[in-house]
Amino acid sequence: MIKSTYTLDVDTVRALEALAHRWKVSKSEALRRTIRAASGAAPATVAPALAALDQLQRAVRLNPRQAARWAGRVRAGRRSASARRLRQKA
């Protein structure tokens, strides 16, 4: 990877941010995809691990509300386990 700095107008940055949000990727990835599409280049293949993660996320079929509840339960469980471990060390 090569890190570069570019100057973009506000409207272009907003459009880039909107694409990244819609595609659920970083702004850098959105820019790479857009440049590839504009140049006619074939898209890079998705790494097998990322493809597997995408497939798993689609299979779970959680809506945003359900995902937030699940994340809250996991977070609470981790905090609880940490608290128990700290009490045991004391």
N, C-alpha and C. Protein backbone atom coordinates (compact mmCIF):
# COMPACT_ATOMS: atom_id res chain seq x y z
N MET A 1 0.84 -1.18 0.00
CA MET A 1 0.00 0.00 0.00
C MET A 1 0.89 1.25 0.00
N ILE A 2 0.41 2.25 -0.67
CA ILE A 2 1.09 3.54 -0.71
C ILE A 2 0.14 4.56 -0.11
N LYS A 3 0.60 5.28 0.89
CA LYS A 3 -0.23 6.30 1.52
C LYS A 3 0.00 7.62 0.80
N SER A 4 -1.09 8.27 0.39
CA SER A 4 -1.00 9.53 -0.36
C SER A 4 -1.95 10.54 0.25
N THR A 5 -1.69 11.80 -0.04
CA THR A 5 -2.54 12.88 0.41
C THR A 5 -3.10 13.61 -0.82
N TYR A 6 -4.41 13.83 -0.83
CA TYR A 6 -5.06 14.53 -1.93
C TYR A 6 -5.94 15.62 -1.37
N THR A 7 -6.15 16.65 -2.15
CA THR A 7 -7.04 17.73 -1.77
C THR A 7 -8.32 17.57 -2.56
N LEU A 8 -9.44 17.44 -1.85
CA LEU A 8 -10.75 17.25 -2.49
C LEU A 8 -11.70 18.35 -2.03
N ASP A 9 -12.61 18.73 -2.92
CA ASP A 9 -13.60 19.72 -2.52
C ASP A 9 -14.63 19.07 -1.60
N VAL A 10 -15.38 19.88 -0.90
CA VAL A 10 -16.32 19.40 0.12
C VAL A 10 -17.36 18.46 -0.49
N ASP A 11 -17.90 18.79 -1.65
CA ASP A 11 -18.92 17.93 -2.27
C ASP A 11 -18.37 16.55 -2.61
N THR A 12 -17.12 16.49 -3.08
CA THR A 12 -16.51 15.21 -3.41
C THR A 12 -16.29 14.38 -2.16
N VAL A 13 -15.85 15.01 -1.08
CA VAL A 13 -15.65 14.29 0.17
C VAL A 13 -16.98 13.75 0.69
N ARG A 14 -18.02 14.55 0.61
CA ARG A 14 -19.34 14.08 1.06
C ARG A 14 -19.81 12.91 0.23
N ALA A 15 -19.60 12.98 -1.09
CA ALA A 15 -19.99 11.87 -1.96
C ALA A 15 -19.20 10.62 -1.62
N LEU A 16 -17.90 10.77 -1.36
CA LEU A 16 -17.06 9.64 -0.99
C LEU A 16 -17.51 9.03 0.33
N GLU A 17 -17.81 9.88 1.31
CA GLU A 17 -18.30 9.39 2.60
C GLU A 17 -19.63 8.66 2.44
N ALA A 18 -20.51 9.17 1.59
CA ALA A 18 -21.80 8.52 1.36
C ALA A 18 -21.61 7.15 0.72
N LEU A 19 -20.71 7.06 -0.26
CA LEU A 19 -20.43 5.76 -0.88
C LEU A 19 -19.87 4.77 0.14
N ALA A 20 -18.90 5.22 0.91
CA ALA A 20 -18.29 4.35 1.92
C ALA A 20 -19.34 3.86 2.92
N HIS A 21 -20.23 4.76 3.33
CA HIS A 21 -21.28 4.38 4.27
C HIS A 21 -22.23 3.37 3.63
N ARG A 22 -22.63 3.64 2.39
CA ARG A 22 -23.57 2.75 1.70
C ARG A 22 -22.97 1.37 1.49
N TRP A 23 -21.68 1.33 1.13
CA TRP A 23 -21.01 0.06 0.89
C TRP A 23 -20.45 -0.57 2.16
N LYS A 24 -20.53 0.17 3.28
CA LYS A 24 -20.01 -0.31 4.57
C LYS A 24 -18.52 -0.66 4.48
N VAL A 25 -17.77 0.26 3.90
CA VAL A 25 -16.31 0.11 3.77
C VAL A 25 -15.66 1.43 4.16
N SER A 26 -14.34 1.42 4.24
CA SER A 26 -13.61 2.66 4.53
C SER A 26 -13.68 3.59 3.32
N LYS A 27 -13.36 4.86 3.56
CA LYS A 27 -13.31 5.81 2.44
C LYS A 27 -12.22 5.40 1.46
N SER A 28 -11.12 4.87 1.95
CA SER A 28 -10.05 4.42 1.06
C SER A 28 -10.53 3.30 0.15
N GLU A 29 -11.26 2.35 0.71
CA GLU A 29 -11.77 1.25 -0.11
C GLU A 29 -12.80 1.75 -1.11
N ALA A 30 -13.66 2.67 -0.71
CA ALA A 30 -14.64 3.24 -1.64
C ALA A 30 -13.92 3.96 -2.79
N LEU A 31 -12.87 4.67 -2.47
CA LEU A 31 -12.10 5.37 -3.51
C LEU A 31 -11.43 4.37 -4.44
N ARG A 32 -10.84 3.29 -3.87
CA ARG A 32 -10.22 2.26 -4.72
C ARG A 32 -11.24 1.65 -5.67
N ARG A 33 -12.42 1.30 -5.15
CA ARG A 33 -13.46 0.69 -5.99
C ARG A 33 -13.91 1.64 -7.09
N THR A 34 -14.06 2.89 -6.75
CA THR A 34 -14.51 3.88 -7.73
C THR A 34 -13.47 4.07 -8.83
N ILE A 35 -12.21 4.15 -8.44
CA ILE A 35 -11.15 4.32 -9.44
C ILE A 35 -11.06 3.09 -10.34
N ARG A 36 -11.17 1.89 -9.74
CA ARG A 36 -11.15 0.66 -10.55
C ARG A 36 -12.30 0.66 -11.55
N ALA A 37 -13.49 1.02 -11.08
CA ALA A 37 -14.66 1.02 -11.96
C ALA A 37 -14.49 2.04 -13.09
N ALA A 38 -13.98 3.21 -12.76
CA ALA A 38 -13.81 4.26 -13.77
C ALA A 38 -12.73 3.87 -14.78
N SER A 39 -11.73 3.13 -14.35
CA SER A 39 -10.63 2.76 -15.25
C SER A 39 -10.93 1.48 -16.02
N GLY A 40 -12.01 0.80 -15.66
CA GLY A 40 -12.36 -0.45 -16.32
C GLY A 40 -11.57 -1.64 -15.82
N ALA A 41 -10.80 -1.45 -14.78
CA ALA A 41 -10.01 -2.55 -14.22
C ALA A 41 -10.91 -3.52 -13.49
N ALA A 42 -10.54 -4.77 -13.51
CA ALA A 42 -11.29 -5.80 -12.78
C ALA A 42 -11.09 -5.60 -11.29
N PRO A 43 -12.15 -5.77 -10.50
CA PRO A 43 -12.00 -5.60 -9.05
C PRO A 43 -11.10 -6.68 -8.46
N ALA A 44 -10.38 -6.30 -7.43
CA ALA A 44 -9.54 -7.27 -6.73
C ALA A 44 -10.43 -8.31 -6.07
N THR A 45 -9.96 -9.51 -6.00
CA THR A 45 -10.76 -10.55 -5.36
C THR A 45 -10.80 -10.32 -3.86
N VAL A 46 -11.89 -10.72 -3.26
CA VAL A 46 -12.04 -10.58 -1.82
C VAL A 46 -11.29 -11.71 -1.15
N ALA A 47 -10.56 -11.39 -0.11
CA ALA A 47 -9.82 -12.41 0.63
C ALA A 47 -10.79 -13.46 1.14
N PRO A 48 -10.39 -14.73 1.13
CA PRO A 48 -11.29 -15.79 1.58
C PRO A 48 -11.84 -15.56 2.99
N ALA A 49 -11.02 -15.03 3.89
CA ALA A 49 -11.50 -14.80 5.26
C ALA A 49 -12.60 -13.74 5.26
N LEU A 50 -12.45 -12.68 4.48
CA LEU A 50 -13.48 -11.65 4.41
C LEU A 50 -14.75 -12.19 3.76
N ALA A 51 -14.60 -13.01 2.75
CA ALA A 51 -15.75 -13.61 2.09
C ALA A 51 -16.51 -14.50 3.08
N ALA A 52 -15.78 -15.25 3.90
CA ALA A 52 -16.41 -16.11 4.90
C ALA A 52 -17.14 -15.27 5.95
N LEU A 53 -16.54 -14.16 6.36
CA LEU A 53 -17.18 -13.27 7.32
C LEU A 53 -18.45 -12.68 6.73
N ASP A 54 -18.39 -12.22 5.48
CA ASP A 54 -19.59 -11.69 4.82
C ASP A 54 -20.70 -12.73 4.79
N GLN A 55 -20.35 -13.97 4.44
CA GLN A 55 -21.34 -15.05 4.37
C GLN A 55 -21.95 -15.32 5.74
N LEU A 56 -21.12 -15.34 6.77
CA LEU A 56 -21.61 -15.56 8.13
C LEU A 56 -22.56 -14.45 8.56
N GLN A 57 -22.18 -13.20 8.29
CA GLN A 57 -23.04 -12.08 8.68
C GLN A 57 -24.38 -12.12 7.95
N ARG A 58 -24.37 -12.51 6.68
CA ARG A 58 -25.64 -12.63 5.96
C ARG A 58 -26.49 -13.76 6.52
N ALA A 59 -25.85 -14.86 6.92
CA ALA A 59 -26.58 -16.02 7.43
C ALA A 59 -27.27 -15.73 8.75
N VAL A 60 -26.67 -14.88 9.58
CA VAL A 60 -27.24 -14.57 10.89
C VAL A 60 -28.53 -13.77 10.77
N ARG A 61 -28.60 -12.90 9.78
CA ARG A 61 -29.80 -12.11 9.47
C ARG A 61 -30.30 -11.29 10.66
N LEU A 62 -29.40 -10.61 11.30
CA LEU A 62 -29.79 -9.72 12.39
C LEU A 62 -30.09 -8.34 11.83
N ASN A 63 -31.17 -7.74 12.32
CA ASN A 63 -31.40 -6.34 11.95
C ASN A 63 -30.56 -5.49 12.91
N PRO A 64 -30.40 -4.19 12.63
CA PRO A 64 -29.54 -3.36 13.49
C PRO A 64 -29.94 -3.39 14.96
N ARG A 65 -31.22 -3.41 15.24
CA ARG A 65 -31.68 -3.44 16.64
C ARG A 65 -31.26 -4.74 17.33
N GLN A 66 -31.46 -5.86 16.64
CA GLN A 66 -31.07 -7.15 17.20
C GLN A 66 -29.55 -7.22 17.39
N ALA A 67 -28.82 -6.70 16.43
CA ALA A 67 -27.36 -6.71 16.54
C ALA A 67 -26.89 -5.88 17.72
N ALA A 68 -27.52 -4.74 17.95
CA ALA A 68 -27.15 -3.89 19.09
C ALA A 68 -27.44 -4.60 20.40
N ARG A 69 -28.59 -5.28 20.50
CA ARG A 69 -28.91 -6.03 21.72
C ARG A 69 -27.89 -7.14 21.96
N TRP A 70 -27.54 -7.86 20.90
CA TRP A 70 -26.56 -8.93 21.01
C TRP A 70 -25.22 -8.37 21.48
N ALA A 71 -24.78 -7.27 20.87
CA ALA A 71 -23.50 -6.66 21.25
C ALA A 71 -23.53 -6.23 22.71
N GLY A 72 -24.66 -5.71 23.18
CA GLY A 72 -24.80 -5.32 24.59
C GLY A 72 -24.67 -6.50 25.52
N ARG A 73 -25.31 -7.61 25.16
CA ARG A 73 -25.21 -8.82 25.99
C ARG A 73 -23.77 -9.34 26.05
N VAL A 74 -23.10 -9.35 24.90
CA VAL A 74 -21.71 -9.82 24.86
C VAL A 74 -20.83 -8.91 25.71
N ARG A 75 -21.01 -7.60 25.56
CA ARG A 75 -20.22 -6.63 26.33
C ARG A 75 -20.43 -6.84 27.83
N ALA A 76 -21.69 -7.01 28.23
CA ALA A 76 -21.99 -7.22 29.65
C ALA A 76 -21.35 -8.51 30.16
N GLY A 77 -21.40 -9.56 29.35
CA GLY A 77 -20.78 -10.83 29.74
C GLY A 77 -19.28 -10.70 29.91
N ARG A 78 -18.65 -9.95 29.02
CA ARG A 78 -17.20 -9.76 29.13
C ARG A 78 -16.84 -8.95 30.37
N ARG A 79 -17.63 -7.91 30.64
CA ARG A 79 -17.37 -7.10 31.85
C ARG A 79 -17.54 -7.94 33.10
N SER A 80 -18.58 -8.78 33.11
CA SER A 80 -18.83 -9.64 34.26
C SER A 80 -17.68 -10.61 34.48
N ALA A 81 -17.19 -11.20 33.40
CA ALA A 81 -16.08 -12.15 33.51
C ALA A 81 -14.82 -11.44 34.00
N SER A 82 -14.58 -10.23 33.52
CA SER A 82 -13.41 -9.45 33.96
C SER A 82 -13.52 -9.13 35.44
N ALA A 83 -14.70 -8.73 35.88
CA ALA A 83 -14.90 -8.38 37.29
C ALA A 83 -14.66 -9.59 38.17
N ARG A 84 -15.15 -10.77 37.76
CA ARG A 84 -14.93 -11.99 38.55
C ARG A 84 -13.45 -12.32 38.63
N ARG A 85 -12.75 -12.18 37.52
CA ARG A 85 -11.32 -12.49 37.50
C ARG A 85 -10.54 -11.54 38.39
N LEU A 86 -10.91 -10.27 38.38
CA LEU A 86 -10.24 -9.29 39.26
C LEU A 86 -10.50 -9.58 40.72
N ARG A 87 -11.72 -10.00 41.06
CA ARG A 87 -12.04 -10.36 42.45
C ARG A 87 -11.24 -11.57 42.88
N GLN A 88 -11.04 -12.54 41.99
CA GLN A 88 -10.29 -13.74 42.33
C GLN A 88 -8.83 -13.44 42.60
N LYS A 89 -8.26 -12.47 41.88
CA LYS A 89 -6.85 -12.11 42.07
C LYS A 89 -6.63 -11.36 43.37
N ALA A 90 -7.67 -10.65 43.84
CA ALA A 90 -7.52 -9.81 45.04
C ALA A 90 -7.47 -10.61 46.30
